Amino acid sequence: MNFLEIGTTEKFRVQLISFMSSDKHIKEAIENIRSDRETTRELLDDAMKYLAADQSRHRDMGLTLAKYVETLQRSNEQLVKLCGLMSKSEKSDELSDKDFAQIFDQIQKSEDK
């Protein structure tokens, strides 16, 4: 999907402004990120225990472990981006077109995975 589609851009902008202006939604986003991190961390811990029992299992678990670490990294990026947006919104009432494009692209990428 091309971010520059006129209807999509404006609809996304309105929804994002509404979302970011609500403390409830910000708290919900942070809670969702934390919950996802906790679940991923538990899965990663279980996989590491399975791997520790026999090192030959590494070839079976390597890709799975990499995906868990990748998921944790994405949640870190989401938290950093959210903090940056919150900080920016405190300094300014408007996000730039570049900010909207980055947010939209990040959402699209996470939906594709």
Protein backbone atom coordinates (compact mmCIF):
# COMPACT_ATOMS: atom_id res chain seq x y z
CA MET A 1 0.00 0.00 0.00
CA ASN A 2 1.33 3.42 -0.95
CA PHE A 3 1.36 5.83 2.00
CA LEU A 4 0.75 8.77 -0.31
CA GLU A 5 -2.77 7.67 -1.21
CA ILE A 6 -4.82 10.76 -0.37
CA GLY A 7 -7.66 9.16 1.61
CA THR A 8 -5.42 6.76 3.46
CA THR A 9 -2.97 9.46 4.50
CA GLU A 10 -5.58 11.79 5.92
CA LYS A 11 -7.54 9.00 7.63
CA PHE A 12 -4.35 7.69 9.22
CA ARG A 13 -3.33 11.19 10.33
CA VAL A 14 -6.69 11.81 12.02
CA GLN A 15 -6.69 8.42 13.74
CA LEU A 16 -3.12 8.80 14.94
CA ILE A 17 -3.69 12.29 16.34
CA SER A 18 -6.77 11.02 18.15
CA PHE A 19 -4.85 8.02 19.46
CA MET A 20 -1.81 9.99 20.62
CA SER A 21 -3.93 12.60 22.36
CA SER A 22 -5.50 9.99 24.58
CA ASP A 23 -3.60 8.95 27.71
CA LYS A 24 -5.80 5.87 27.82
CA HIS A 25 -4.57 4.73 24.41
CA ILE A 26 -0.95 5.48 25.22
CA LYS A 27 -1.20 3.44 28.40
CA GLU A 28 -2.93 0.64 26.49
CA ALA A 29 -0.18 0.62 23.84
CA ILE A 30 2.51 0.42 26.52
CA GLU A 31 0.64 -2.35 28.35
CA ASN A 32 0.32 -4.30 25.09
CA ILE A 33 4.03 -3.91 24.39
CA ARG A 34 4.88 -5.06 27.92
CA SER A 35 2.50 -8.01 27.68
CA ASP A 36 3.97 -9.07 24.33
CA ARG A 37 7.48 -8.75 25.78
CA GLU A 38 6.56 -10.86 28.80
CA THR A 39 5.05 -13.59 26.65
CA THR A 40 8.02 -13.58 24.28
CA ARG A 41 10.45 -13.63 27.19
CA GLU A 42 8.70 -16.69 28.67
CA LEU A 43 8.85 -18.46 25.31
CA LEU A 44 12.51 -17.54 24.93
CA ASP A 45 13.29 -18.82 28.44
CA ASP A 46 11.52 -22.12 27.69
CA ALA A 47 13.39 -22.49 24.41
CA MET A 48 16.71 -21.76 26.13
CA LYS A 49 16.00 -24.43 28.75
CA TYR A 50 15.17 -26.90 26.00
CA LEU A 51 18.41 -26.00 24.22
CA ALA A 52 20.49 -26.25 27.41
CA ALA A 53 19.47 -29.86 27.90
CA ASP A 54 21.25 -30.88 24.70
CA GLN A 55 23.44 -28.60 22.58
CA SER A 56 22.62 -30.63 19.45
CA ARG A 57 19.14 -29.10 19.62
CA HIS A 58 20.61 -25.76 18.54
CA ARG A 59 20.03 -26.46 14.85
CA ASP A 60 16.37 -27.21 15.66
CA MET A 61 15.88 -24.16 17.87
CA GLY A 62 18.20 -21.57 16.32
CA LEU A 63 15.63 -20.01 14.00
CA THR A 64 12.97 -20.00 16.72
CA LEU A 65 15.32 -18.29 19.18
CA ALA A 66 16.25 -15.71 16.55
CA LYS A 67 12.56 -14.93 15.98
CA TYR A 68 11.97 -14.46 19.71
CA VAL A 69 14.94 -12.08 19.97
CA GLU A 70 13.71 -10.24 16.87
CA THR A 71 10.28 -9.84 18.48
CA LEU A 72 11.87 -8.38 21.61
CA GLN A 73 13.93 -5.99 19.48
CA ARG A 74 10.81 -4.81 17.62
CA SER A 75 9.07 -4.12 20.92
CA ASN A 76 12.11 -2.09 22.01
CA GLU A 77 11.82 -0.08 18.79
CA GLN A 78 8.10 0.43 19.40
CA LEU A 79 8.77 1.75 22.91
CA VAL A 80 11.50 4.09 21.67
CA LYS A 81 9.25 5.38 18.88
CA LEU A 82 6.33 5.87 21.27
CA CYS A 83 8.55 7.76 23.72
CA GLY A 84 9.86 9.90 20.90
CA LEU A 85 6.35 10.72 19.73
CA MET A 86 5.23 11.54 23.25
CA SER A 87 8.24 13.80 23.71
CA LYS A 88 7.65 15.47 20.37
CA SER A 89 3.97 16.00 21.10
CA GLU A 90 4.92 17.75 24.35
CA LYS A 91 7.13 20.15 22.40
CA SER A 92 4.80 20.60 19.44
CA ASP A 93 1.16 19.98 18.70
CA GLU A 94 1.86 18.62 15.22
CA LEU A 95 3.74 15.69 13.82
CA SER A 96 5.51 16.15 10.50
CA ASP A 97 4.57 14.29 7.35
CA LYS A 98 7.80 12.35 7.80
CA ASP A 99 6.65 11.25 11.28
CA PHE A 100 3.33 10.02 9.89
CA ALA A 101 5.10 8.21 7.05
CA GLN A 102 7.48 6.47 9.47
CA ILE A 103 4.66 5.40 11.78
CA PHE A 104 2.52 4.18 8.90
CA ASP A 105 5.45 2.27 7.37
CA GLN A 106 6.28 0.65 10.72
CA ILE A 107 2.67 -0.47 11.15
CA GLN A 108 2.60 -1.86 7.62
CA LYS A 109 5.86 -3.78 8.20
CA SER A 110 4.60 -5.27 11.47
CA GLU A 111 1.35 -6.36 9.81
CA ASP A 112 3.31 -8.03 6.99
CA LYS A 113 5.24 -10.24 9.44
